[in-house]
Amino acid sequence: VFYYQKEPYKPPSGRFKDRVTWDGNIERNDVSIIIWNLQPSDNGTFTCQVTNWPDVYGTIGEVRLRVVQKVSFSEIHFLVVAIGSASVLMIIVVTAVIICRQRRRRARDKRLEVADTEG
């Protein structure tokens, strides 16, 4: 992916060409890179091997990269509208049920009151 010898060299070809930049600091033993515009096809396990003369046998690091799709604003907006609409509908239904029960109770109480006064 990347080659460094006294200065960083971008890859001339390959799937990361024009998408990788040097972000390390050799003086601090930091050999970090940044890969831009990641895509699901970039998923995988990558190894990091640094050979620094005279220690040509160093440990090989391993990085697992998992790229996930970012939710777009329109999908979030749709989800909020759907949940909000369902909530409002539930509130309307519950309110209607409560109002109907109260009206029935008042009508029943009124009938009982009329029956009591006639009897």
N, C-alpha and C. Protein backbone atom coordinates (compact mmCIF):
# COMPACT_ATOMS: atom_id res chain seq x y z
N VAL A 1 0.83 -1.19 0.00
CA VAL A 1 0.00 0.00 0.00
C VAL A 1 0.87 1.25 0.00
N PHE A 2 1.92 1.25 0.81
CA PHE A 2 2.73 2.46 0.95
C PHE A 2 4.20 2.08 1.11
N TYR A 3 5.05 2.93 0.60
CA TYR A 3 6.48 2.67 0.68
C TYR A 3 7.17 3.93 1.20
N TYR A 4 8.07 3.74 2.14
CA TYR A 4 8.78 4.88 2.73
C TYR A 4 10.26 4.56 2.78
N GLN A 5 11.05 5.44 2.18
CA GLN A 5 12.51 5.33 2.29
C GLN A 5 13.05 6.75 2.26
N LYS A 6 13.35 7.26 3.44
CA LYS A 6 13.77 8.64 3.66
C LYS A 6 12.66 9.64 3.39
N GLU A 7 11.70 9.30 2.61
CA GLU A 7 10.50 10.10 2.37
C GLU A 7 9.39 9.17 1.89
N PRO A 8 8.14 9.59 2.09
CA PRO A 8 7.03 8.71 1.69
C PRO A 8 6.83 8.70 0.18
N TYR A 9 6.54 7.52 -0.35
CA TYR A 9 6.23 7.35 -1.76
C TYR A 9 4.81 6.79 -1.88
N LYS A 10 3.97 7.53 -2.55
CA LYS A 10 2.60 7.06 -2.76
C LYS A 10 2.63 5.88 -3.71
N PRO A 11 1.66 4.98 -3.57
CA PRO A 11 1.64 3.83 -4.47
C PRO A 11 1.34 4.27 -5.91
N PRO A 12 2.13 3.80 -6.87
CA PRO A 12 1.89 4.18 -8.26
C PRO A 12 0.71 3.44 -8.89
N SER A 13 0.29 2.35 -8.26
CA SER A 13 -0.85 1.58 -8.79
C SER A 13 -1.50 0.83 -7.64
N GLY A 14 -2.52 0.07 -7.94
CA GLY A 14 -3.20 -0.72 -6.92
C GLY A 14 -4.50 -0.07 -6.50
N ARG A 15 -5.24 -0.78 -5.65
CA ARG A 15 -6.57 -0.31 -5.30
C ARG A 15 -6.57 0.91 -4.37
N PHE A 16 -5.44 1.21 -3.74
CA PHE A 16 -5.38 2.38 -2.86
C PHE A 16 -4.69 3.58 -3.50
N LYS A 17 -4.36 3.46 -4.77
CA LYS A 17 -3.71 4.56 -5.48
C LYS A 17 -4.59 5.81 -5.38
N ASP A 18 -3.98 6.93 -5.04
CA ASP A 18 -4.66 8.23 -4.89
C ASP A 18 -5.63 8.28 -3.72
N ARG A 19 -5.62 7.26 -2.86
CA ARG A 19 -6.50 7.27 -1.68
C ARG A 19 -5.74 7.10 -0.39
N VAL A 20 -4.41 7.08 -0.43
CA VAL A 20 -3.62 6.86 0.76
C VAL A 20 -2.60 7.98 0.92
N THR A 21 -2.45 8.45 2.17
CA THR A 21 -1.45 9.49 2.45
C THR A 21 -0.66 9.11 3.70
N TRP A 22 0.55 9.58 3.76
CA TRP A 22 1.44 9.34 4.89
C TRP A 22 0.98 10.21 6.06
N ASP A 23 0.93 9.63 7.26
CA ASP A 23 0.53 10.38 8.45
C ASP A 23 1.45 10.07 9.62
N GLY A 24 2.56 9.42 9.35
CA GLY A 24 3.45 8.99 10.42
C GLY A 24 4.53 10.00 10.76
N ASN A 25 5.34 9.62 11.75
CA ASN A 25 6.48 10.43 12.17
C ASN A 25 7.61 9.45 12.50
N ILE A 26 8.57 9.38 11.61
CA ILE A 26 9.67 8.41 11.76
C ILE A 26 10.44 8.63 13.05
N GLU A 27 10.61 9.88 13.46
CA GLU A 27 11.36 10.17 14.69
C GLU A 27 10.68 9.59 15.93
N ARG A 28 9.38 9.39 15.85
CA ARG A 28 8.64 8.80 16.98
C ARG A 28 8.25 7.35 16.70
N ASN A 29 8.90 6.74 15.71
CA ASN A 29 8.61 5.36 15.33
C ASN A 29 7.13 5.16 14.97
N ASP A 30 6.56 6.15 14.34
CA ASP A 30 5.16 6.10 13.94
C ASP A 30 5.11 5.97 12.42
N VAL A 31 4.54 4.88 11.94
CA VAL A 31 4.45 4.65 10.50
C VAL A 31 2.98 4.61 10.05
N SER A 32 2.20 5.55 10.55
CA SER A 32 0.77 5.59 10.25
C SER A 32 0.50 6.10 8.84
N ILE A 33 -0.56 5.56 8.28
CA ILE A 33 -1.07 6.06 7.00
C ILE A 33 -2.56 6.30 7.15
N ILE A 34 -3.11 7.09 6.25
CA ILE A 34 -4.55 7.32 6.21
C ILE A 34 -5.04 6.86 4.85
N ILE A 35 -6.11 6.07 4.86
CA ILE A 35 -6.74 5.64 3.62
C ILE A 35 -8.07 6.40 3.51
N TRP A 36 -8.24 7.10 2.41
CA TRP A 36 -9.41 7.95 2.19
C TRP A 36 -10.45 7.23 1.36
N ASN A 37 -11.68 7.74 1.42
CA ASN A 37 -12.79 7.25 0.59
C ASN A 37 -12.91 5.73 0.66
N LEU A 38 -13.02 5.23 1.87
CA LEU A 38 -13.15 3.78 2.05
C LEU A 38 -14.46 3.28 1.46
N GLN A 39 -14.42 2.06 0.95
CA GLN A 39 -15.57 1.43 0.33
C GLN A 39 -15.70 0.02 0.92
N PRO A 40 -16.89 -0.56 0.86
CA PRO A 40 -17.06 -1.92 1.39
C PRO A 40 -16.08 -2.93 0.79
N SER A 41 -15.65 -2.71 -0.42
CA SER A 41 -14.69 -3.64 -1.03
C SER A 41 -13.31 -3.55 -0.38
N ASP A 42 -13.08 -2.53 0.47
CA ASP A 42 -11.80 -2.39 1.18
C ASP A 42 -11.76 -3.22 2.45
N ASN A 43 -12.88 -3.85 2.82
CA ASN A 43 -12.90 -4.70 4.02
C ASN A 43 -11.81 -5.75 3.95
N GLY A 44 -11.23 -6.06 5.09
CA GLY A 44 -10.25 -7.14 5.11
C GLY A 44 -9.26 -7.00 6.24
N THR A 45 -8.32 -7.90 6.27
CA THR A 45 -7.24 -7.89 7.26
C THR A 45 -5.97 -7.48 6.56
N PHE A 46 -5.32 -6.48 7.10
CA PHE A 46 -4.10 -5.94 6.50
C PHE A 46 -2.94 -6.13 7.48
N THR A 47 -1.76 -6.34 6.94
CA THR A 47 -0.58 -6.47 7.78
C THR A 47 0.30 -5.24 7.60
N CYS A 48 1.01 -4.92 8.65
CA CYS A 48 1.94 -3.79 8.62
C CYS A 48 3.32 -4.34 8.93
N GLN A 49 4.18 -4.26 7.96
CA GLN A 49 5.53 -4.78 8.15
C GLN A 49 6.52 -3.63 7.93
N VAL A 50 7.31 -3.39 8.96
CA VAL A 50 8.30 -2.32 8.89
C VAL A 50 9.68 -2.95 8.97
N THR A 51 10.50 -2.67 7.98
CA THR A 51 11.88 -3.14 8.02
C THR A 51 12.77 -1.92 8.06
N ASN A 52 13.55 -1.84 9.08
CA ASN A 52 14.41 -0.69 9.29
C ASN A 52 15.83 -1.22 9.50
N TRP A 53 16.66 -1.03 8.53
CA TRP A 53 18.03 -1.53 8.60
C TRP A 53 18.70 -1.02 9.86
N PRO A 54 19.37 -1.80 10.65
CA PRO A 54 19.73 -3.19 10.46
C PRO A 54 18.70 -4.18 11.01
N ASP A 55 17.60 -3.71 11.70
CA ASP A 55 16.63 -4.68 12.22
C ASP A 55 15.63 -5.01 11.11
N VAL A 56 15.95 -5.94 10.31
CA VAL A 56 15.07 -6.30 9.21
C VAL A 56 13.99 -7.28 9.63
N TYR A 57 14.09 -7.81 10.85
CA TYR A 57 13.09 -8.77 11.32
C TYR A 57 12.31 -8.16 12.49
N GLY A 58 11.29 -7.42 12.19
CA GLY A 58 10.43 -6.85 13.24
C GLY A 58 9.13 -7.61 13.31
N THR A 59 8.34 -7.24 14.26
CA THR A 59 7.03 -7.89 14.37
C THR A 59 6.12 -7.36 13.26
N ILE A 60 5.23 -8.19 12.83
CA ILE A 60 4.30 -7.79 11.77
C ILE A 60 2.96 -7.48 12.44
N GLY A 61 2.54 -6.25 12.29
CA GLY A 61 1.26 -5.83 12.87
C GLY A 61 0.11 -6.25 11.98
N GLU A 62 -1.06 -6.34 12.59
CA GLU A 62 -2.24 -6.76 11.83
C GLU A 62 -3.39 -5.81 12.16
N VAL A 63 -4.07 -5.35 11.13
CA VAL A 63 -5.20 -4.44 11.29
C VAL A 63 -6.39 -5.03 10.55
N ARG A 64 -7.53 -5.10 11.25
CA ARG A 64 -8.76 -5.56 10.59
C ARG A 64 -9.60 -4.33 10.28
N LEU A 65 -9.92 -4.18 9.02
CA LEU A 65 -10.69 -3.03 8.56
C LEU A 65 -12.10 -3.48 8.19
N ARG A 66 -13.07 -2.81 8.78
CA ARG A 66 -14.47 -3.10 8.46
C ARG A 66 -15.15 -1.80 8.06
N VAL A 67 -15.58 -1.74 6.84
CA VAL A 67 -16.23 -0.54 6.31
C VAL A 67 -17.73 -0.76 6.34
N VAL A 68 -18.45 0.17 6.94
CA VAL A 68 -19.90 0.08 6.98
C VAL A 68 -20.48 1.29 6.27
N GLN A 69 -21.68 1.13 5.75
CA GLN A 69 -22.33 2.21 5.02
C GLN A 69 -22.83 3.26 6.00
N LYS A 70 -22.63 4.50 5.65
CA LYS A 70 -23.10 5.61 6.46
C LYS A 70 -24.57 5.86 6.10
N VAL A 71 -25.41 6.05 7.11
CA VAL A 71 -26.82 6.29 6.85
C VAL A 71 -26.98 7.71 6.32
N SER A 72 -27.65 7.82 5.21
CA SER A 72 -27.83 9.15 4.64
C SER A 72 -28.91 9.91 5.39
N PHE A 73 -28.91 11.22 5.21
CA PHE A 73 -29.86 12.07 5.91
C PHE A 73 -31.30 11.69 5.54
N SER A 74 -31.55 11.37 4.27
CA SER A 74 -32.91 11.05 3.86
C SER A 74 -33.43 9.80 4.57
N GLU A 75 -32.57 8.81 4.81
CA GLU A 75 -33.00 7.61 5.52
C GLU A 75 -33.32 7.93 6.98
N ILE A 76 -32.51 8.75 7.60
CA ILE A 76 -32.77 9.16 8.99
C ILE A 76 -34.06 9.97 9.04
N HIS A 77 -34.22 10.88 8.09
CA HIS A 77 -35.43 11.71 8.04
C HIS A 77 -36.67 10.83 7.89
N PHE A 78 -36.61 9.85 7.00
CA PHE A 78 -37.74 8.94 6.80
C PHE A 78 -38.05 8.17 8.08
N LEU A 79 -37.02 7.70 8.77
CA LEU A 79 -37.20 6.95 10.01
C LEU A 79 -37.86 7.82 11.08
N VAL A 80 -37.41 9.06 11.22
CA VAL A 80 -37.98 9.98 12.21
C VAL A 80 -39.45 10.25 11.88
N VAL A 81 -39.74 10.50 10.61
CA VAL A 81 -41.13 10.76 10.21
C VAL A 81 -42.01 9.54 10.48
N ALA A 82 -41.51 8.35 10.16
CA ALA A 82 -42.30 7.13 10.38
C ALA A 82 -42.58 6.92 11.86
N ILE A 83 -41.56 7.05 12.69
CA ILE A 83 -41.74 6.84 14.14
C ILE A 83 -42.63 7.94 14.71
N GLY A 84 -42.42 9.17 14.29
CA GLY A 84 -43.24 10.29 14.76
C GLY A 84 -44.69 10.12 14.37
N SER A 85 -44.95 9.72 13.13
CA SER A 85 -46.33 9.51 12.66
C SER A 85 -47.00 8.39 13.44
N ALA A 86 -46.29 7.30 13.67
CA ALA A 86 -46.84 6.19 14.44
C ALA A 86 -47.17 6.63 15.86
N SER A 87 -46.30 7.42 16.45
CA SER A 87 -46.55 7.91 17.82
C SER A 87 -47.77 8.81 17.87
N VAL A 88 -47.89 9.73 16.92
CA VAL A 88 -49.05 10.63 16.88
C VAL A 88 -50.33 9.83 16.67
N LEU A 89 -50.29 8.84 15.79
CA LEU A 89 -51.47 7.99 15.54
C LEU A 89 -51.88 7.25 16.81
N MET A 90 -50.91 6.73 17.54
CA MET A 90 -51.22 6.02 18.79
C MET A 90 -51.85 6.98 19.81
N ILE A 91 -51.33 8.19 19.90
CA ILE A 91 -51.90 9.18 20.84
C ILE A 91 -53.34 9.51 20.45
N ILE A 92 -53.60 9.65 19.15
CA ILE A 92 -54.96 9.95 18.68
C ILE A 92 -55.91 8.80 19.01
N VAL A 93 -55.47 7.56 18.77
CA VAL A 93 -56.32 6.40 19.06
C VAL A 93 -56.61 6.30 20.55
N VAL A 94 -55.60 6.45 21.39
CA VAL A 94 -55.79 6.37 22.84
C VAL A 94 -56.73 7.48 23.32
N THR A 95 -56.55 8.68 22.79
CA THR A 95 -57.41 9.80 23.17
C THR A 95 -58.86 9.53 22.75
N ALA A 96 -59.06 9.01 21.55
CA ALA A 96 -60.41 8.70 21.07
C ALA A 96 -61.07 7.64 21.94
N VAL A 97 -60.33 6.61 22.32
CA VAL A 97 -60.88 5.56 23.19
C VAL A 97 -61.29 6.15 24.54
N ILE A 98 -60.46 7.00 25.11
CA ILE A 98 -60.77 7.61 26.42
C ILE A 98 -62.01 8.48 26.32
N ILE A 99 -62.10 9.27 25.25
CA ILE A 99 -63.27 10.14 25.07
C ILE A 99 -64.54 9.31 24.91
N CYS A 100 -64.48 8.24 24.12
CA CYS A 100 -65.65 7.36 23.93
C CYS A 100 -66.09 6.74 25.24
N ARG A 101 -65.16 6.27 26.04
CA ARG A 101 -65.51 5.66 27.33
C ARG A 101 -66.16 6.68 28.26
N GLN A 102 -65.63 7.91 28.27
CA GLN A 102 -66.21 8.93 29.14
C GLN A 102 -67.64 9.27 28.70
N ARG A 103 -67.86 9.36 27.39
CA ARG A 103 -69.20 9.67 26.89
C ARG A 103 -70.17 8.54 27.24
N ARG A 104 -69.74 7.29 27.08
CA ARG A 104 -70.60 6.16 27.43
C ARG A 104 -70.93 6.17 28.93
N ARG A 105 -69.91 6.46 29.73
CA ARG A 105 -70.11 6.50 31.18
C ARG A 105 -71.11 7.60 31.54
N ARG A 106 -70.97 8.79 30.92
CA ARG A 106 -71.90 9.89 31.20
C ARG A 106 -73.32 9.52 30.77
N ALA A 107 -73.43 8.89 29.59
CA ALA A 107 -74.76 8.49 29.10
C ALA A 107 -75.37 7.46 30.04
N ARG A 108 -74.58 6.50 30.51
CA ARG A 108 -75.08 5.48 31.44
C ARG A 108 -75.49 6.12 32.76
N ASP A 109 -74.63 7.02 33.26
CA ASP A 109 -74.95 7.70 34.51
C ASP A 109 -76.24 8.52 34.37
N LYS A 110 -76.43 9.16 33.21
CA LYS A 110 -77.62 9.96 32.97
C LYS A 110 -78.87 9.07 32.94
N ARG A 111 -78.75 7.88 32.28
CA ARG A 111 -79.87 6.96 32.24
C ARG A 111 -80.22 6.45 33.65
N LEU A 112 -79.18 6.14 34.42
CA LEU A 112 -79.43 5.68 35.80
C LEU A 112 -80.08 6.77 36.63
N GLU A 113 -79.65 8.01 36.42
CA GLU A 113 -80.20 9.14 37.15
C GLU A 113 -81.67 9.34 36.77
N VAL A 114 -81.97 9.22 35.47
CA VAL A 114 -83.36 9.37 35.02
C VAL A 114 -84.21 8.23 35.57
N ALA A 115 -83.66 7.01 35.56
CA ALA A 115 -84.39 5.86 36.09
C ALA A 115 -84.66 6.01 37.58
N ASP A 116 -83.69 6.57 38.31
CA ASP A 116 -83.87 6.77 39.74
C ASP A 116 -84.95 7.81 40.03
N THR A 117 -85.01 8.86 39.23
CA THR A 117 -85.99 9.91 39.47
C THR A 117 -87.39 9.48 39.05
N GLU A 118 -87.50 8.57 38.09
CA GLU A 118 -88.81 8.08 37.66
C GLU A 118 -89.32 7.01 38.64
N GLY A 119 -88.40 6.29 39.26
CA GLY A 119 -88.82 5.19 40.11
C GLY A 119 -89.04 5.60 41.49
